[in-house]
Amino acid sequence: MENRREAIRGVAGCVVAAAGGAAGMLAWAPYGRRGLFGGFEGAMEWDVLRLGLPVMTLGGIAAGIALFALVQGKWRQALGAAVLLTALAGFGVAFDVLEGPPPMCGPGC
């Protein structure tokens, strides 16, 4: 009976992590679409894909794991995932991967 509970918890944890990764990708999508297809003078900005997508995806996974650990009452695991999430956010800010898409230039540019 205990093995079955652990298996269900494991599957639920994987589902939560996958949902967090998908949420991170969905949060990245508007910025990625604009950066890849509408960069400065039509040029593609590859940093949006190389840095932005992994940071947002891993951030979503870390947030899902932290939330799942909090629900289960595992504070150390939640703290570890929160530290990872903070490190990813710091990396994103340092390399401007979490900064919003550049503003669209109006007709007077």
N, C-alpha and C. Protein backbone atom coordinates (compact mmCIF):
# COMPACT_ATOMS: atom_id res chain seq x y z
N MET A 1 0.81 -1.18 0.00
CA MET A 1 0.00 0.00 0.00
C MET A 1 0.87 1.26 0.00
N GLU A 2 1.96 1.25 0.80
CA GLU A 2 2.85 2.41 0.88
C GLU A 2 3.58 2.64 -0.45
N ASN A 3 3.95 1.56 -1.13
CA ASN A 3 4.62 1.71 -2.42
C ASN A 3 3.71 2.37 -3.44
N ARG A 4 2.44 2.03 -3.36
CA ARG A 4 1.48 2.61 -4.30
C ARG A 4 1.33 4.11 -4.05
N ARG A 5 1.28 4.53 -2.78
CA ARG A 5 1.19 5.95 -2.44
C ARG A 5 2.41 6.71 -2.93
N GLU A 6 3.58 6.13 -2.73
CA GLU A 6 4.80 6.77 -3.21
C GLU A 6 4.82 6.88 -4.72
N ALA A 7 4.32 5.86 -5.39
CA ALA A 7 4.26 5.90 -6.85
C ALA A 7 3.30 6.99 -7.33
N ILE A 8 2.18 7.10 -6.66
CA ILE A 8 1.21 8.14 -7.03
C ILE A 8 1.80 9.52 -6.78
N ARG A 9 2.48 9.70 -5.63
CA ARG A 9 3.14 10.97 -5.35
C ARG A 9 4.22 11.29 -6.38
N GLY A 10 4.96 10.29 -6.79
CA GLY A 10 6.00 10.49 -7.80
C GLY A 10 5.42 10.92 -9.14
N VAL A 11 4.36 10.26 -9.54
CA VAL A 11 3.70 10.62 -10.80
C VAL A 11 3.11 12.02 -10.70
N ALA A 12 2.49 12.34 -9.55
CA ALA A 12 1.93 13.68 -9.37
C ALA A 12 3.03 14.74 -9.40
N GLY A 13 4.17 14.45 -8.80
CA GLY A 13 5.29 15.38 -8.84
C GLY A 13 5.79 15.61 -10.25
N CYS A 14 5.87 14.55 -11.03
CA CYS A 14 6.29 14.69 -12.43
C CYS A 14 5.29 15.51 -13.23
N VAL A 15 4.01 15.29 -12.98
CA VAL A 15 2.97 16.05 -13.68
C VAL A 15 3.05 17.53 -13.30
N VAL A 16 3.26 17.82 -12.01
CA VAL A 16 3.38 19.21 -11.57
C VAL A 16 4.61 19.86 -12.19
N ALA A 17 5.74 19.15 -12.23
CA ALA A 17 6.95 19.70 -12.84
C ALA A 17 6.75 19.94 -14.33
N ALA A 18 6.10 19.01 -15.01
CA ALA A 18 5.82 19.19 -16.44
C ALA A 18 4.88 20.37 -16.68
N ALA A 19 3.89 20.51 -15.81
CA ALA A 19 2.97 21.65 -15.94
C ALA A 19 3.70 22.97 -15.68
N GLY A 20 4.61 22.97 -14.73
CA GLY A 20 5.41 24.16 -14.47
C GLY A 20 6.30 24.52 -15.66
N GLY A 21 6.90 23.51 -16.27
CA GLY A 21 7.71 23.75 -17.47
C GLY A 21 6.87 24.29 -18.61
N ALA A 22 5.68 23.74 -18.78
CA ALA A 22 4.79 24.23 -19.84
C ALA A 22 4.35 25.66 -19.55
N ALA A 23 4.09 25.97 -18.28
CA ALA A 23 3.72 27.34 -17.92
C ALA A 23 4.86 28.30 -18.18
N GLY A 24 6.09 27.87 -17.90
CA GLY A 24 7.26 28.70 -18.20
C GLY A 24 7.41 28.96 -19.68
N MET A 25 7.18 27.94 -20.49
CA MET A 25 7.24 28.13 -21.95
C MET A 25 6.14 29.06 -22.44
N LEU A 26 4.95 28.92 -21.87
CA LEU A 26 3.85 29.80 -22.27
C LEU A 26 4.12 31.24 -21.85
N ALA A 27 4.76 31.43 -20.71
CA ALA A 27 5.11 32.78 -20.28
C ALA A 27 6.20 33.37 -21.18
N TRP A 28 7.07 32.54 -21.72
CA TRP A 28 8.15 32.98 -22.60
C TRP A 28 7.65 33.24 -24.01
N ALA A 29 6.60 32.60 -24.43
CA ALA A 29 6.15 32.63 -25.83
C ALA A 29 5.95 34.03 -26.41
N PRO A 30 5.26 34.96 -25.74
CA PRO A 30 5.10 36.29 -26.35
C PRO A 30 6.44 37.00 -26.57
N TYR A 31 7.34 36.87 -25.60
CA TYR A 31 8.65 37.50 -25.74
C TYR A 31 9.46 36.79 -26.83
N GLY A 32 9.38 35.47 -26.85
CA GLY A 32 10.13 34.71 -27.85
C GLY A 32 9.63 34.97 -29.26
N ARG A 33 8.33 35.05 -29.43
CA ARG A 33 7.78 35.29 -30.77
C ARG A 33 8.24 36.65 -31.29
N ARG A 34 8.19 37.64 -30.43
CA ARG A 34 8.60 38.98 -30.85
C ARG A 34 10.10 39.06 -31.08
N GLY A 35 10.88 38.41 -30.22
CA GLY A 35 12.34 38.46 -30.35
C GLY A 35 12.86 37.69 -31.54
N LEU A 36 12.23 36.56 -31.84
CA LEU A 36 12.72 35.74 -32.95
C LEU A 36 12.28 36.28 -34.30
N PHE A 37 11.08 36.82 -34.36
CA PHE A 37 10.55 37.21 -35.67
C PHE A 37 10.41 38.71 -35.85
N GLY A 38 10.66 39.49 -34.81
CA GLY A 38 10.49 40.92 -34.95
C GLY A 38 11.56 41.70 -34.25
N GLY A 39 12.80 41.24 -34.32
CA GLY A 39 13.90 41.93 -33.67
C GLY A 39 14.22 43.23 -34.37
N PHE A 40 15.31 43.82 -34.00
CA PHE A 40 15.74 45.10 -34.56
C PHE A 40 15.96 44.95 -36.06
N GLU A 41 15.24 45.73 -36.82
CA GLU A 41 15.30 45.73 -38.29
C GLU A 41 15.07 44.34 -38.87
N GLY A 42 14.22 43.59 -38.26
CA GLY A 42 13.86 42.26 -38.76
C GLY A 42 14.88 41.18 -38.45
N ALA A 43 15.96 41.52 -37.73
CA ALA A 43 16.99 40.53 -37.40
C ALA A 43 16.50 39.65 -36.25
N MET A 44 16.91 38.40 -36.30
CA MET A 44 16.53 37.47 -35.23
C MET A 44 17.47 37.65 -34.05
N GLU A 45 16.93 37.61 -32.85
CA GLU A 45 17.72 37.71 -31.63
C GLU A 45 17.81 36.31 -31.03
N TRP A 46 18.93 35.65 -31.26
CA TRP A 46 19.08 34.26 -30.85
C TRP A 46 19.21 34.11 -29.34
N ASP A 47 19.59 35.17 -28.63
CA ASP A 47 19.66 35.08 -27.17
C ASP A 47 18.30 34.80 -26.56
N VAL A 48 17.26 35.23 -27.25
CA VAL A 48 15.90 34.96 -26.78
C VAL A 48 15.68 33.45 -26.71
N LEU A 49 16.19 32.73 -27.67
CA LEU A 49 16.01 31.28 -27.71
C LEU A 49 17.05 30.57 -26.85
N ARG A 50 18.31 31.02 -26.93
CA ARG A 50 19.38 30.35 -26.20
C ARG A 50 19.31 30.55 -24.70
N LEU A 51 18.91 31.73 -24.26
CA LEU A 51 18.89 32.02 -22.83
C LEU A 51 17.49 32.12 -22.26
N GLY A 52 16.60 32.79 -22.95
CA GLY A 52 15.27 33.04 -22.41
C GLY A 52 14.43 31.80 -22.22
N LEU A 53 14.39 30.95 -23.22
CA LEU A 53 13.56 29.74 -23.14
C LEU A 53 14.02 28.79 -22.03
N PRO A 54 15.31 28.47 -21.93
CA PRO A 54 15.71 27.58 -20.82
C PRO A 54 15.48 28.18 -19.44
N VAL A 55 15.73 29.48 -19.30
CA VAL A 55 15.54 30.10 -17.99
C VAL A 55 14.07 30.06 -17.59
N MET A 56 13.19 30.39 -18.50
CA MET A 56 11.76 30.40 -18.19
C MET A 56 11.23 28.98 -17.96
N THR A 57 11.69 28.02 -18.75
CA THR A 57 11.24 26.63 -18.59
C THR A 57 11.73 26.06 -17.26
N LEU A 58 13.02 26.23 -16.97
CA LEU A 58 13.56 25.73 -15.70
C LEU A 58 12.95 26.46 -14.51
N GLY A 59 12.66 27.74 -14.68
CA GLY A 59 11.99 28.48 -13.62
C GLY A 59 10.60 27.94 -13.34
N GLY A 60 9.88 27.61 -14.39
CA GLY A 60 8.56 27.02 -14.20
C GLY A 60 8.62 25.67 -13.53
N ILE A 61 9.61 24.87 -13.89
CA ILE A 61 9.78 23.55 -13.27
C ILE A 61 10.14 23.73 -11.79
N ALA A 62 11.07 24.64 -11.49
CA ALA A 62 11.46 24.88 -10.10
C ALA A 62 10.28 25.40 -9.28
N ALA A 63 9.48 26.27 -9.86
CA ALA A 63 8.31 26.78 -9.14
C ALA A 63 7.31 25.65 -8.87
N GLY A 64 7.10 24.78 -9.85
CA GLY A 64 6.20 23.64 -9.65
C GLY A 64 6.70 22.70 -8.57
N ILE A 65 7.99 22.44 -8.56
CA ILE A 65 8.57 21.55 -7.55
C ILE A 65 8.46 22.19 -6.17
N ALA A 66 8.72 23.49 -6.08
CA ALA A 66 8.61 24.19 -4.79
C ALA A 66 7.18 24.13 -4.27
N LEU A 67 6.23 24.37 -5.15
CA LEU A 67 4.83 24.33 -4.75
C LEU A 67 4.42 22.92 -4.30
N PHE A 68 4.86 21.92 -5.04
CA PHE A 68 4.52 20.53 -4.70
C PHE A 68 5.14 20.15 -3.35
N ALA A 69 6.38 20.58 -3.12
CA ALA A 69 7.02 20.27 -1.85
C ALA A 69 6.32 20.98 -0.69
N LEU A 70 5.88 22.22 -0.92
CA LEU A 70 5.16 22.94 0.13
C LEU A 70 3.84 22.25 0.47
N VAL A 71 3.14 21.78 -0.55
CA VAL A 71 1.87 21.09 -0.31
C VAL A 71 2.10 19.82 0.51
N GLN A 72 3.20 19.15 0.26
CA GLN A 72 3.49 17.93 1.00
C GLN A 72 4.09 18.20 2.37
N GLY A 73 4.45 19.44 2.64
CA GLY A 73 5.04 19.77 3.93
C GLY A 73 6.53 19.51 4.02
N LYS A 74 7.20 19.39 2.90
CA LYS A 74 8.64 19.14 2.86
C LYS A 74 9.34 20.49 2.68
N TRP A 75 9.63 21.14 3.80
CA TRP A 75 10.14 22.51 3.78
C TRP A 75 11.53 22.61 3.20
N ARG A 76 12.40 21.65 3.47
CA ARG A 76 13.78 21.72 2.94
C ARG A 76 13.80 21.62 1.43
N GLN A 77 13.01 20.72 0.88
CA GLN A 77 12.94 20.60 -0.58
C GLN A 77 12.36 21.86 -1.20
N ALA A 78 11.34 22.41 -0.55
CA ALA A 78 10.74 23.65 -1.05
C ALA A 78 11.75 24.79 -1.00
N LEU A 79 12.53 24.86 0.06
CA LEU A 79 13.54 25.90 0.18
C LEU A 79 14.62 25.74 -0.89
N GLY A 80 15.03 24.51 -1.15
CA GLY A 80 16.01 24.26 -2.20
C GLY A 80 15.50 24.68 -3.57
N ALA A 81 14.25 24.36 -3.87
CA ALA A 81 13.67 24.75 -5.15
C ALA A 81 13.51 26.27 -5.22
N ALA A 82 13.20 26.91 -4.10
CA ALA A 82 13.08 28.37 -4.08
C ALA A 82 14.44 29.03 -4.30
N VAL A 83 15.49 28.44 -3.75
CA VAL A 83 16.85 28.97 -3.98
C VAL A 83 17.21 28.83 -5.46
N LEU A 84 16.89 27.69 -6.06
CA LEU A 84 17.13 27.50 -7.49
C LEU A 84 16.35 28.51 -8.31
N LEU A 85 15.11 28.74 -7.94
CA LEU A 85 14.28 29.71 -8.65
C LEU A 85 14.87 31.12 -8.53
N THR A 86 15.36 31.47 -7.36
CA THR A 86 16.00 32.77 -7.16
C THR A 86 17.26 32.89 -8.00
N ALA A 87 18.06 31.83 -8.06
CA ALA A 87 19.28 31.85 -8.86
C ALA A 87 18.94 32.00 -10.35
N LEU A 88 17.92 31.32 -10.82
CA LEU A 88 17.51 31.46 -12.21
C LEU A 88 17.01 32.87 -12.51
N ALA A 89 16.27 33.44 -11.58
CA ALA A 89 15.80 34.81 -11.77
C ALA A 89 16.98 35.78 -11.79
N GLY A 90 17.96 35.57 -10.93
CA GLY A 90 19.16 36.41 -10.93
C GLY A 90 19.93 36.29 -12.24
N PHE A 91 20.07 35.07 -12.73
CA PHE A 91 20.74 34.85 -14.02
C PHE A 91 19.97 35.55 -15.14
N GLY A 92 18.65 35.44 -15.09
CA GLY A 92 17.83 36.07 -16.12
C GLY A 92 17.95 37.57 -16.12
N VAL A 93 17.98 38.16 -14.94
CA VAL A 93 18.11 39.61 -14.84
C VAL A 93 19.51 40.05 -15.27
N ALA A 94 20.53 39.28 -14.87
CA ALA A 94 21.91 39.64 -15.23
C ALA A 94 22.13 39.63 -16.73
N PHE A 95 21.51 38.70 -17.42
CA PHE A 95 21.70 38.59 -18.87
C PHE A 95 20.51 39.14 -19.66
N ASP A 96 19.63 39.87 -19.02
CA ASP A 96 18.47 40.51 -19.65
C ASP A 96 17.57 39.54 -20.40
N VAL A 97 17.48 38.31 -19.92
CA VAL A 97 16.59 37.36 -20.61
C VAL A 97 15.17 37.45 -20.08
N LEU A 98 14.98 38.04 -18.92
CA LEU A 98 13.64 38.18 -18.38
C LEU A 98 13.08 39.58 -18.59
N GLU A 99 13.86 40.43 -19.23
CA GLU A 99 13.37 41.76 -19.53
C GLU A 99 12.33 41.64 -20.64
N GLY A 100 11.33 42.47 -20.59
CA GLY A 100 10.27 42.40 -21.58
C GLY A 100 10.77 42.63 -22.99
N PRO A 101 9.94 42.30 -23.97
CA PRO A 101 10.34 42.51 -25.35
C PRO A 101 10.55 44.00 -25.62
N PRO A 102 11.42 44.30 -26.57
CA PRO A 102 11.66 45.71 -26.86
C PRO A 102 10.38 46.36 -27.37
N PRO A 103 10.16 47.63 -27.02
CA PRO A 103 8.94 48.28 -27.46
C PRO A 103 8.92 48.43 -28.97
N MET A 104 7.72 48.33 -29.51
CA MET A 104 7.57 48.49 -30.96
C MET A 104 7.77 49.97 -31.30
N CYS A 105 8.48 50.20 -32.34
CA CYS A 105 8.77 51.57 -32.75
C CYS A 105 7.63 52.09 -33.60
N GLY A 106 7.22 53.30 -33.32
CA GLY A 106 6.13 53.91 -34.05
C GLY A 106 6.57 54.45 -35.39
N PRO A 107 5.70 55.16 -36.09
CA PRO A 107 6.02 55.67 -37.42
C PRO A 107 7.11 56.74 -37.42
N GLY A 108 7.39 57.38 -36.29
CA GLY A 108 8.39 58.45 -36.28
C GLY A 108 9.81 57.99 -36.04
N CYS A 109 10.09 56.71 -36.02
CA CYS A 109 11.44 56.22 -35.69
C CYS A 109 12.42 56.40 -36.81
